[in-house]
Amino acid sequence: MSVTERIAQLIADNDVIVFMKGVPQAPQCGFSASVVKVLDAVGTPYASVNVLADPFIREGIKEYSDWPTIPQLYVKGEFVGGSDIVREMYESGELFDLIAPESTN
């Protein structure tokens, strides 16, 4: 299985997944920590991939999304963005609507 296929499978298998440096319990950069904080505040379960543990995933995810930085958040198969975009979407309420639309009814 190619790196692209592995990434696609991870995204397909998880409604909410973040590719980050470190793990949610111990992020390895401030940007990853920021995304974890936002996702924890939203309260929806999410999967994570530590890109530091796999250099092929670390580089492959940048090509897959055509986005140069880590972390990267995917929701329901769609690329959402990196730390700044996730934080802005959280502050506006848009992220909550995207991740947990059934809870807003």
N, C-alpha and C. Protein backbone atom coordinates (compact mmCIF):
# COMPACT_ATOMS: atom_id res chain seq x y z
N MET A 1 0.85 -1.18 0.00
CA MET A 1 0.00 0.00 0.00
C MET A 1 0.90 1.24 0.00
N SER A 2 0.60 2.18 -0.88
CA SER A 2 1.40 3.40 -0.96
C SER A 2 1.06 4.33 0.20
N VAL A 3 1.89 5.33 0.41
CA VAL A 3 1.64 6.32 1.45
C VAL A 3 0.32 7.04 1.18
N THR A 4 0.08 7.39 -0.05
CA THR A 4 -1.18 8.05 -0.42
C THR A 4 -2.37 7.17 -0.09
N GLU A 5 -2.28 5.89 -0.38
CA GLU A 5 -3.37 4.96 -0.07
C GLU A 5 -3.55 4.82 1.44
N ARG A 6 -2.44 4.78 2.19
CA ARG A 6 -2.53 4.70 3.66
C ARG A 6 -3.24 5.93 4.23
N ILE A 7 -2.85 7.10 3.73
CA ILE A 7 -3.47 8.35 4.20
C ILE A 7 -4.95 8.36 3.85
N ALA A 8 -5.29 8.01 2.63
CA ALA A 8 -6.69 7.98 2.20
C ALA A 8 -7.50 7.03 3.07
N GLN A 9 -6.92 5.88 3.42
CA GLN A 9 -7.62 4.90 4.26
C GLN A 9 -7.84 5.45 5.67
N LEU A 10 -6.83 6.09 6.24
CA LEU A 10 -6.96 6.69 7.57
C LEU A 10 -8.08 7.73 7.58
N ILE A 11 -8.11 8.56 6.56
CA ILE A 11 -9.13 9.61 6.47
C ILE A 11 -10.51 8.99 6.28
N ALA A 12 -10.60 7.95 5.45
CA ALA A 12 -11.89 7.29 5.21
C ALA A 12 -12.40 6.57 6.45
N ASP A 13 -11.48 6.05 7.26
CA ASP A 13 -11.87 5.25 8.43
C ASP A 13 -12.27 6.08 9.65
N ASN A 14 -12.01 7.38 9.61
CA ASN A 14 -12.25 8.22 10.79
C ASN A 14 -13.01 9.49 10.40
N ASP A 15 -14.15 9.72 11.05
CA ASP A 15 -14.93 10.93 10.75
C ASP A 15 -14.14 12.20 11.03
N VAL A 16 -13.37 12.19 12.11
CA VAL A 16 -12.55 13.34 12.48
C VAL A 16 -11.14 12.81 12.78
N ILE A 17 -10.17 13.33 12.04
CA ILE A 17 -8.79 12.88 12.22
C ILE A 17 -7.85 14.07 12.06
N VAL A 18 -6.86 14.12 12.93
CA VAL A 18 -5.86 15.17 12.86
C VAL A 18 -4.48 14.54 12.67
N PHE A 19 -3.78 15.02 11.69
CA PHE A 19 -2.38 14.65 11.47
C PHE A 19 -1.57 15.70 12.19
N MET A 20 -0.81 15.28 13.20
CA MET A 20 -0.17 16.24 14.09
C MET A 20 1.22 15.79 14.49
N LYS A 21 1.95 16.69 15.12
CA LYS A 21 3.25 16.36 15.68
C LYS A 21 3.01 15.97 17.13
N GLY A 22 3.28 14.69 17.44
CA GLY A 22 3.02 14.17 18.77
C GLY A 22 1.67 13.48 18.82
N VAL A 23 1.18 13.33 20.03
CA VAL A 23 -0.12 12.70 20.28
C VAL A 23 -0.97 13.67 21.10
N PRO A 24 -2.29 13.50 21.13
CA PRO A 24 -3.12 14.45 21.87
C PRO A 24 -2.71 14.65 23.33
N GLN A 25 -2.23 13.59 23.96
CA GLN A 25 -1.82 13.70 25.36
C GLN A 25 -0.48 14.42 25.52
N ALA A 26 0.30 14.50 24.44
CA ALA A 26 1.62 15.14 24.49
C ALA A 26 1.98 15.71 23.11
N PRO A 27 1.31 16.80 22.72
CA PRO A 27 1.64 17.42 21.43
C PRO A 27 3.10 17.88 21.42
N GLN A 28 3.73 17.81 20.24
CA GLN A 28 5.14 18.16 20.13
C GLN A 28 5.38 19.52 19.50
N CYS A 29 4.31 20.29 19.30
CA CYS A 29 4.47 21.68 18.84
C CYS A 29 3.23 22.46 19.27
N GLY A 30 3.38 23.75 19.34
CA GLY A 30 2.28 24.60 19.79
C GLY A 30 1.08 24.58 18.88
N PHE A 31 1.31 24.46 17.58
CA PHE A 31 0.20 24.43 16.63
C PHE A 31 -0.63 23.17 16.81
N SER A 32 0.05 22.03 16.99
CA SER A 32 -0.67 20.78 17.24
C SER A 32 -1.42 20.86 18.57
N ALA A 33 -0.79 21.45 19.59
CA ALA A 33 -1.44 21.60 20.88
C ALA A 33 -2.70 22.45 20.76
N SER A 34 -2.65 23.48 19.94
CA SER A 34 -3.79 24.37 19.73
C SER A 34 -4.97 23.61 19.11
N VAL A 35 -4.69 22.78 18.11
CA VAL A 35 -5.76 22.01 17.45
C VAL A 35 -6.35 20.99 18.43
N VAL A 36 -5.50 20.34 19.21
CA VAL A 36 -5.99 19.38 20.21
C VAL A 36 -6.90 20.08 21.21
N LYS A 37 -6.50 21.26 21.66
CA LYS A 37 -7.31 22.02 22.62
C LYS A 37 -8.69 22.33 22.04
N VAL A 38 -8.72 22.75 20.78
CA VAL A 38 -9.99 23.05 20.12
C VAL A 38 -10.84 21.79 19.98
N LEU A 39 -10.24 20.70 19.51
CA LEU A 39 -11.01 19.46 19.33
C LEU A 39 -11.54 18.94 20.67
N ASP A 40 -10.73 19.05 21.71
CA ASP A 40 -11.19 18.63 23.04
C ASP A 40 -12.35 19.50 23.51
N ALA A 41 -12.30 20.80 23.20
CA ALA A 41 -13.38 21.70 23.58
C ALA A 41 -14.67 21.39 22.83
N VAL A 42 -14.56 20.98 21.57
CA VAL A 42 -15.74 20.61 20.79
C VAL A 42 -16.37 19.34 21.39
N GLY A 43 -15.52 18.44 21.87
CA GLY A 43 -16.02 17.27 22.58
C GLY A 43 -16.35 16.06 21.73
N THR A 44 -16.07 16.12 20.45
CA THR A 44 -16.33 14.98 19.57
C THR A 44 -15.09 14.09 19.54
N PRO A 45 -15.25 12.78 19.64
CA PRO A 45 -14.09 11.90 19.55
C PRO A 45 -13.37 12.09 18.21
N TYR A 46 -12.06 11.96 18.25
CA TYR A 46 -11.27 12.11 17.03
C TYR A 46 -10.07 11.18 17.07
N ALA A 47 -9.58 10.85 15.90
CA ALA A 47 -8.37 10.05 15.78
C ALA A 47 -7.21 10.99 15.51
N SER A 48 -6.01 10.51 15.78
CA SER A 48 -4.83 11.31 15.49
C SER A 48 -3.74 10.43 14.91
N VAL A 49 -2.88 11.06 14.12
CA VAL A 49 -1.73 10.39 13.55
C VAL A 49 -0.51 11.24 13.90
N ASN A 50 0.45 10.63 14.57
CA ASN A 50 1.69 11.31 14.92
C ASN A 50 2.63 11.26 13.72
N VAL A 51 2.74 12.38 13.01
CA VAL A 51 3.57 12.39 11.80
C VAL A 51 5.05 12.26 12.12
N LEU A 52 5.44 12.53 13.36
CA LEU A 52 6.85 12.40 13.74
C LEU A 52 7.28 10.93 13.81
N ALA A 53 6.29 10.04 13.96
CA ALA A 53 6.59 8.61 14.04
C ALA A 53 6.75 7.97 12.67
N ASP A 54 6.36 8.68 11.62
CA ASP A 54 6.42 8.12 10.27
C ASP A 54 6.77 9.22 9.27
N PRO A 55 8.03 9.31 8.87
CA PRO A 55 8.43 10.38 7.95
C PRO A 55 7.72 10.31 6.60
N PHE A 56 7.30 9.13 6.18
CA PHE A 56 6.57 9.02 4.91
C PHE A 56 5.20 9.67 5.03
N ILE A 57 4.51 9.45 6.14
CA ILE A 57 3.23 10.11 6.38
C ILE A 57 3.46 11.62 6.53
N ARG A 58 4.52 11.99 7.23
CA ARG A 58 4.80 13.42 7.47
C ARG A 58 4.91 14.19 6.16
N GLU A 59 5.61 13.65 5.20
CA GLU A 59 5.75 14.32 3.91
C GLU A 59 4.55 14.04 3.01
N GLY A 60 4.03 12.82 3.09
CA GLY A 60 2.92 12.43 2.23
C GLY A 60 1.65 13.22 2.47
N ILE A 61 1.37 13.56 3.74
CA ILE A 61 0.14 14.29 4.04
C ILE A 61 0.19 15.69 3.44
N LYS A 62 1.38 16.26 3.35
CA LYS A 62 1.53 17.61 2.76
C LYS A 62 1.21 17.56 1.27
N GLU A 63 1.64 16.51 0.61
CA GLU A 63 1.33 16.34 -0.82
C GLU A 63 -0.15 15.99 -1.01
N TYR A 64 -0.66 15.12 -0.14
CA TYR A 64 -2.05 14.67 -0.25
C TYR A 64 -3.02 15.85 -0.21
N SER A 65 -2.77 16.76 0.72
CA SER A 65 -3.68 17.90 0.91
C SER A 65 -3.27 19.14 0.13
N ASP A 66 -2.06 19.12 -0.40
CA ASP A 66 -1.48 20.30 -1.03
C ASP A 66 -1.44 21.46 -0.02
N TRP A 67 -1.10 21.11 1.22
CA TRP A 67 -1.02 22.07 2.31
C TRP A 67 0.35 21.87 2.96
N PRO A 68 1.16 22.91 3.12
CA PRO A 68 2.56 22.72 3.50
C PRO A 68 2.85 22.48 4.97
N THR A 69 1.87 22.64 5.84
CA THR A 69 2.17 22.59 7.27
C THR A 69 1.39 21.51 8.00
N ILE A 70 1.87 21.19 9.18
CA ILE A 70 1.24 20.26 10.10
C ILE A 70 0.91 21.10 11.34
N PRO A 71 -0.22 20.93 11.98
CA PRO A 71 -1.22 19.87 11.85
C PRO A 71 -2.19 20.10 10.69
N GLN A 72 -2.90 19.02 10.38
CA GLN A 72 -3.95 19.07 9.36
C GLN A 72 -5.17 18.32 9.90
N LEU A 73 -6.31 18.96 9.80
CA LEU A 73 -7.55 18.36 10.27
C LEU A 73 -8.43 17.96 9.09
N TYR A 74 -8.97 16.76 9.17
CA TYR A 74 -9.94 16.25 8.19
C TYR A 74 -11.22 15.90 8.93
N VAL A 75 -12.35 16.28 8.34
CA VAL A 75 -13.66 15.96 8.91
C VAL A 75 -14.50 15.34 7.80
N LYS A 76 -14.97 14.14 8.07
CA LYS A 76 -15.82 13.41 7.12
C LYS A 76 -15.20 13.36 5.73
N GLY A 77 -13.89 13.10 5.69
CA GLY A 77 -13.19 12.92 4.43
C GLY A 77 -12.70 14.19 3.77
N GLU A 78 -13.04 15.35 4.33
CA GLU A 78 -12.67 16.62 3.72
C GLU A 78 -11.58 17.31 4.53
N PHE A 79 -10.62 17.87 3.82
CA PHE A 79 -9.58 18.65 4.47
C PHE A 79 -10.17 19.96 4.98
N VAL A 80 -9.98 20.24 6.27
CA VAL A 80 -10.50 21.46 6.87
C VAL A 80 -9.42 22.55 6.87
N GLY A 81 -8.23 22.21 7.35
CA GLY A 81 -7.16 23.19 7.38
C GLY A 81 -6.19 22.91 8.50
N GLY A 82 -5.35 23.91 8.74
CA GLY A 82 -4.34 23.83 9.78
C GLY A 82 -4.78 24.57 11.03
N SER A 83 -3.83 24.85 11.88
CA SER A 83 -4.09 25.41 13.20
C SER A 83 -4.89 26.72 13.16
N ASP A 84 -4.46 27.68 12.36
CA ASP A 84 -5.14 28.98 12.33
C ASP A 84 -6.58 28.85 11.85
N ILE A 85 -6.78 28.08 10.79
CA ILE A 85 -8.13 27.90 10.24
C ILE A 85 -9.02 27.18 11.24
N VAL A 86 -8.50 26.15 11.88
CA VAL A 86 -9.28 25.39 12.87
C VAL A 86 -9.67 26.31 14.03
N ARG A 87 -8.74 27.11 14.51
CA ARG A 87 -9.02 28.01 15.63
C ARG A 87 -10.08 29.05 15.22
N GLU A 88 -9.95 29.62 14.02
CA GLU A 88 -10.93 30.61 13.55
C GLU A 88 -12.31 29.98 13.41
N MET A 89 -12.35 28.77 12.87
CA MET A 89 -13.64 28.09 12.70
C MET A 89 -14.26 27.76 14.06
N TYR A 90 -13.44 27.44 15.04
CA TYR A 90 -13.95 27.17 16.38
C TYR A 90 -14.55 28.43 16.98
N GLU A 91 -13.81 29.53 16.86
CA GLU A 91 -14.27 30.79 17.44
C GLU A 91 -15.57 31.27 16.81
N SER A 92 -15.77 31.00 15.53
CA SER A 92 -16.99 31.44 14.84
C SER A 92 -18.16 30.46 15.04
N GLY A 93 -17.87 29.26 15.56
CA GLY A 93 -18.89 28.23 15.72
C GLY A 93 -19.01 27.31 14.52
N GLU A 94 -18.32 27.66 13.45
CA GLU A 94 -18.40 26.89 12.21
C GLU A 94 -17.85 25.47 12.39
N LEU A 95 -16.79 25.32 13.18
CA LEU A 95 -16.19 24.00 13.38
C LEU A 95 -17.16 23.08 14.10
N PHE A 96 -17.82 23.58 15.12
CA PHE A 96 -18.79 22.77 15.85
C PHE A 96 -19.89 22.30 14.90
N ASP A 97 -20.38 23.20 14.07
CA ASP A 97 -21.43 22.85 13.11
C ASP A 97 -20.96 21.78 12.13
N LEU A 98 -19.69 21.86 11.73
CA LEU A 98 -19.13 20.91 10.79
C LEU A 98 -18.94 19.52 11.42
N ILE A 99 -18.44 19.51 12.64
CA ILE A 99 -18.11 18.24 13.31
C ILE A 99 -19.33 17.59 13.92
N ALA A 100 -20.20 18.38 14.53
CA ALA A 100 -21.33 17.81 15.26
C ALA A 100 -22.65 18.46 14.85
N PRO A 101 -23.00 18.40 13.54
CA PRO A 101 -24.20 19.09 13.09
C PRO A 101 -25.49 18.58 13.74
N GLU A 102 -25.52 17.31 14.12
CA GLU A 102 -26.74 16.76 14.72
C GLU A 102 -26.98 17.34 16.10
N SER A 103 -25.95 17.87 16.76
CA SER A 103 -26.08 18.43 18.09
C SER A 103 -26.65 19.84 18.07
N THR A 104 -26.72 20.46 16.89
CA THR A 104 -27.18 21.85 16.82
C THR A 104 -28.69 21.95 16.61
N ASN A 105 -29.35 20.82 16.45
CA ASN A 105 -30.80 20.86 16.22
C ASN A 105 -31.56 21.09 17.50
